[in-house]
């Protein structure tokens, strides 16, 4: 499956990064939203918006 959107980000000294605006818009991410990483056997990493659970709701 060809990539529809590509973006790049840099890790800081503390291993932090900013999710690029184009990715935030594509995933409809807002402040304090959670993201989910899936690492496939071939080494590809999939970043998705995490689903909210009842424990996330105060």
N, C-alpha and C. Protein backbone atom coordinates (compact mmCIF):
# COMPACT_ATOMS: atom_id res chain seq x y z
N UNK A 1 0.85 -1.18 0.00
CA UNK A 1 0.00 0.00 0.00
C UNK A 1 0.89 1.24 0.00
N UNK A 2 0.75 2.11 -0.98
CA UNK A 2 1.59 3.31 -1.04
C UNK A 2 1.22 4.31 0.04
N UNK A 3 2.21 5.06 0.47
CA UNK A 3 1.98 6.08 1.49
C UNK A 3 1.19 7.24 0.89
N UNK A 4 0.20 7.69 1.61
CA UNK A 4 -0.60 8.82 1.17
C UNK A 4 -0.02 10.11 1.73
N UNK A 5 0.55 10.02 2.92
CA UNK A 5 1.11 11.19 3.59
C UNK A 5 2.43 10.79 4.22
N UNK A 6 3.44 11.58 4.01
CA UNK A 6 4.73 11.36 4.66
C UNK A 6 5.10 12.61 5.42
N UNK A 7 5.68 12.43 6.60
CA UNK A 7 6.12 13.55 7.42
C UNK A 7 7.34 13.11 8.21
N UNK A 8 8.11 14.07 8.65
CA UNK A 8 9.34 13.78 9.38
C UNK A 8 9.40 14.64 10.63
N UNK A 9 10.00 14.08 11.68
CA UNK A 9 10.15 14.80 12.93
C UNK A 9 11.48 14.40 13.55
N UNK A 10 12.01 15.23 14.42
CA UNK A 10 13.31 14.98 15.04
C UNK A 10 13.14 14.73 16.53
N UNK A 11 13.91 13.78 17.07
CA UNK A 11 13.91 13.53 18.51
C UNK A 11 14.80 14.55 19.22
N UNK A 12 14.35 15.01 20.37
CA UNK A 12 15.16 15.92 21.18
C UNK A 12 16.13 15.09 22.02
N UNK A 13 16.93 15.77 22.79
CA UNK A 13 17.85 15.09 23.71
C UNK A 13 17.12 14.22 24.71
N UNK A 14 15.87 14.55 25.00
CA UNK A 14 15.07 13.79 25.96
C UNK A 14 14.14 12.78 25.26
N UNK A 15 14.42 12.48 23.99
CA UNK A 15 13.64 11.53 23.18
C UNK A 15 12.21 11.98 22.98
N UNK A 16 11.97 13.26 22.95
CA UNK A 16 10.64 13.79 22.69
C UNK A 16 10.59 14.29 21.25
N UNK A 17 9.39 14.36 20.70
CA UNK A 17 9.22 14.85 19.35
C UNK A 17 7.88 15.56 19.23
N UNK A 18 7.72 16.33 18.19
CA UNK A 18 6.46 16.99 17.89
C UNK A 18 5.80 16.22 16.76
N UNK A 19 4.52 15.91 16.92
CA UNK A 19 3.78 15.28 15.84
C UNK A 19 3.50 16.37 14.81
N UNK A 20 3.96 16.18 13.58
CA UNK A 20 3.77 17.23 12.57
C UNK A 20 2.30 17.60 12.39
N UNK A 21 2.05 18.84 12.04
CA UNK A 21 0.69 19.35 11.89
C UNK A 21 -0.11 18.52 10.89
N UNK A 22 0.49 18.12 9.80
CA UNK A 22 -0.24 17.35 8.79
C UNK A 22 -0.71 16.01 9.35
N UNK A 23 0.08 15.41 10.23
CA UNK A 23 -0.30 14.14 10.86
C UNK A 23 -1.39 14.39 11.90
N UNK A 24 -1.25 15.45 12.68
CA UNK A 24 -2.29 15.78 13.68
C UNK A 24 -3.63 16.00 13.01
N UNK A 25 -3.62 16.71 11.88
CA UNK A 25 -4.87 16.95 11.17
C UNK A 25 -5.44 15.65 10.60
N UNK A 26 -4.59 14.82 10.02
CA UNK A 26 -5.06 13.57 9.42
C UNK A 26 -5.67 12.64 10.46
N UNK A 27 -5.10 12.63 11.68
CA UNK A 27 -5.61 11.75 12.74
C UNK A 27 -6.63 12.45 13.64
N UNK A 28 -6.91 13.72 13.34
CA UNK A 28 -7.83 14.53 14.15
C UNK A 28 -7.41 14.52 15.62
N UNK A 29 -6.12 14.80 15.86
CA UNK A 29 -5.58 14.82 17.21
C UNK A 29 -5.72 16.21 17.82
N UNK A 30 -6.02 16.24 19.09
CA UNK A 30 -6.09 17.48 19.84
C UNK A 30 -5.16 17.40 21.03
N UNK A 31 -5.05 18.49 21.74
CA UNK A 31 -4.21 18.51 22.94
C UNK A 31 -4.69 17.45 23.92
N UNK A 32 -3.74 16.78 24.52
CA UNK A 32 -3.96 15.73 25.54
C UNK A 32 -4.53 14.43 24.96
N UNK A 33 -4.74 14.33 23.65
CA UNK A 33 -5.15 13.06 23.05
C UNK A 33 -4.00 12.07 23.15
N UNK A 34 -4.32 10.81 23.12
CA UNK A 34 -3.30 9.77 23.18
C UNK A 34 -3.09 9.18 21.80
N UNK A 35 -1.85 8.73 21.56
CA UNK A 35 -1.53 8.07 20.30
C UNK A 35 -1.06 6.66 20.60
N UNK A 36 -1.19 5.80 19.61
CA UNK A 36 -0.87 4.38 19.78
C UNK A 36 0.16 4.00 18.71
N UNK A 37 1.21 3.28 19.13
CA UNK A 37 2.24 2.81 18.21
C UNK A 37 2.10 1.30 18.04
N UNK A 38 2.13 0.83 16.80
CA UNK A 38 2.17 -0.60 16.49
C UNK A 38 3.44 -0.85 15.69
N UNK A 39 4.26 -1.77 16.18
CA UNK A 39 5.49 -2.12 15.47
C UNK A 39 5.28 -3.46 14.80
N UNK A 40 5.37 -3.48 13.50
CA UNK A 40 5.15 -4.69 12.72
C UNK A 40 6.43 -5.51 12.64
N UNK A 41 6.31 -6.80 12.35
CA UNK A 41 7.50 -7.67 12.29
C UNK A 41 8.56 -7.18 11.31
N UNK A 42 8.16 -6.49 10.25
CA UNK A 42 9.14 -6.01 9.27
C UNK A 42 9.81 -4.71 9.69
N UNK A 43 9.45 -4.20 10.89
CA UNK A 43 10.07 -2.99 11.41
C UNK A 43 9.27 -1.72 11.14
N UNK A 44 8.23 -1.81 10.33
CA UNK A 44 7.39 -0.64 10.10
C UNK A 44 6.66 -0.27 11.38
N UNK A 45 6.49 1.02 11.60
CA UNK A 45 5.77 1.51 12.77
C UNK A 45 4.51 2.22 12.29
N UNK A 46 3.39 1.87 12.90
CA UNK A 46 2.12 2.48 12.55
C UNK A 46 1.67 3.34 13.73
N UNK A 47 1.38 4.59 13.45
CA UNK A 47 0.93 5.54 14.47
C UNK A 47 -0.56 5.78 14.25
N UNK A 48 -1.37 5.54 15.27
CA UNK A 48 -2.80 5.76 15.17
C UNK A 48 -3.28 6.54 16.39
N UNK A 49 -4.45 7.07 16.27
CA UNK A 49 -5.09 7.74 17.41
C UNK A 49 -5.58 6.64 18.35
N UNK A 50 -5.25 6.74 19.63
CA UNK A 50 -5.67 5.74 20.60
C UNK A 50 -7.16 5.88 20.86
N UNK A 51 -7.83 4.75 21.03
CA UNK A 51 -9.26 4.79 21.34
C UNK A 51 -9.42 5.13 22.81
N UNK A 52 -10.41 5.94 23.10
CA UNK A 52 -10.67 6.34 24.49
C UNK A 52 -11.34 5.20 25.23
N UNK A 53 -10.89 4.99 26.45
CA UNK A 53 -11.51 3.98 27.31
C UNK A 53 -12.24 4.69 28.44
N UNK A 54 -13.03 3.95 29.16
CA UNK A 54 -13.78 4.57 30.26
C UNK A 54 -12.85 5.11 31.33
N UNK A 55 -11.64 4.53 31.47
CA UNK A 55 -10.70 5.01 32.48
C UNK A 55 -10.10 6.36 32.08
N UNK A 56 -10.19 6.73 30.77
CA UNK A 56 -9.69 8.02 30.32
C UNK A 56 -10.65 9.15 30.67
N UNK A 57 -11.91 8.81 30.95
CA UNK A 57 -12.92 9.81 31.22
C UNK A 57 -12.97 10.09 32.72
N UNK A 58 -12.65 11.32 33.14
CA UNK A 58 -12.61 11.62 34.59
C UNK A 58 -13.96 11.57 35.25
